[in-house]
Amino acid sequence: MKLIFIRAACFIFTDGYVDQFGGKNKRKFRIAPFKGLLFAIHNKAMDEQKKILETKFNSWKGSLEQIDDVLVFGFRI
């Protein structure tokens, strides 16, 4: 489990999101793009963040099988 603080938002997540294979080259999502995604959405409403994360994950995964559990927990301080 990892913890990232971005300004007044905090995100705790398992490795399932970043380790998911997908995209045009069927590679892992990776931590750097995930951090960038969190930074891009951290100031949006929590329900909107959830929709963005779900949409991005499903788009990335495409027709590939989900390989691990996925947990992203965000809160504001």
Protein backbone atom coordinates (compact mmCIF):
# COMPACT_ATOMS: atom_id res chain seq x y z
CA MET A 1 0.00 0.00 0.00
CA LYS A 2 1.27 3.48 -0.81
CA LEU A 3 0.38 6.96 0.46
CA ILE A 4 0.63 10.17 -1.58
CA PHE A 5 -0.14 13.71 -0.35
CA ILE A 6 -1.04 16.26 -3.01
CA ARG A 7 -1.71 19.64 -1.43
CA ALA A 8 -4.69 19.12 0.89
CA ALA A 9 -5.68 15.75 -0.62
CA CYS A 10 -4.37 12.36 0.45
CA PHE A 11 -4.53 9.16 -1.59
CA ILE A 12 -3.89 5.63 -0.32
CA PHE A 13 -3.86 2.85 -2.89
CA THR A 14 -2.87 -0.72 -3.58
CA ASP A 15 -0.63 -1.65 -6.51
CA GLY A 16 -3.56 -3.03 -8.53
CA TYR A 17 -4.18 0.18 -10.51
CA VAL A 18 -0.55 0.78 -11.49
CA ASP A 19 0.20 -2.89 -12.23
CA GLN A 20 -2.78 -3.34 -14.58
CA PHE A 21 -1.82 -4.28 -18.12
CA GLY A 22 -3.46 -2.34 -20.93
CA GLY A 23 -3.09 0.42 -23.45
CA LYS A 24 -2.10 -0.10 -27.05
CA ASN A 25 1.11 -1.96 -26.07
CA LYS A 26 -0.49 -4.00 -23.27
CA ARG A 27 1.98 -2.69 -20.68
CA LYS A 28 1.53 -1.82 -17.01
CA PHE A 29 -0.04 1.56 -16.21
CA ARG A 30 2.92 2.43 -13.90
CA ILE A 31 3.27 4.75 -10.94
CA ALA A 32 4.39 7.96 -12.72
CA PRO A 33 1.29 8.25 -14.93
CA PHE A 34 -0.88 7.35 -11.93
CA LYS A 35 0.66 10.12 -9.81
CA GLY A 36 0.10 12.52 -12.70
CA LEU A 37 -3.54 11.45 -12.92
CA LEU A 38 -4.02 11.97 -9.17
CA PHE A 39 -2.41 15.40 -9.40
CA ALA A 40 -4.65 16.34 -12.34
CA ILE A 41 -7.85 15.41 -10.49
CA HIS A 42 -7.03 16.20 -6.84
CA ASN A 43 -9.00 19.47 -6.82
CA LYS A 44 -12.20 17.98 -8.29
CA ALA A 45 -15.12 16.74 -6.21
CA MET A 46 -14.58 13.25 -4.78
CA ASP A 47 -17.45 11.69 -6.75
CA GLU A 48 -16.01 13.16 -9.96
CA GLN A 49 -12.56 11.79 -9.05
CA LYS A 50 -14.09 8.34 -8.65
CA LYS A 51 -15.70 8.51 -12.09
CA ILE A 52 -12.47 9.70 -13.70
CA LEU A 53 -10.40 6.95 -12.04
CA GLU A 54 -12.91 4.24 -13.02
CA THR A 55 -13.17 5.49 -16.60
CA LYS A 56 -9.38 5.75 -17.01
CA PHE A 57 -8.83 2.29 -15.51
CA ASN A 58 -11.45 0.61 -17.69
CA SER A 59 -10.23 2.43 -20.78
CA TRP A 60 -6.63 1.39 -20.03
CA LYS A 61 -7.58 -2.23 -19.27
CA GLY A 62 -9.73 -2.54 -22.36
CA SER A 63 -10.65 -6.17 -23.00
CA LEU A 64 -7.80 -7.53 -20.87
CA GLU A 65 -8.61 -9.31 -17.63
CA GLN A 66 -8.19 -7.41 -14.36
CA ILE A 67 -5.11 -8.95 -12.76
CA ASP A 68 -5.35 -7.73 -9.15
CA ASP A 69 -7.55 -6.00 -6.62
CA VAL A 70 -7.81 -2.24 -7.11
CA LEU A 71 -8.26 0.12 -4.19
CA VAL A 72 -7.85 3.91 -4.31
CA PHE A 73 -8.89 5.77 -1.16
CA GLY A 74 -8.84 9.55 -1.26
CA PHE A 75 -9.66 12.14 1.38
CA ARG A 76 -9.11 15.81 2.08
CA ILE A 77 -7.32 17.23 5.08
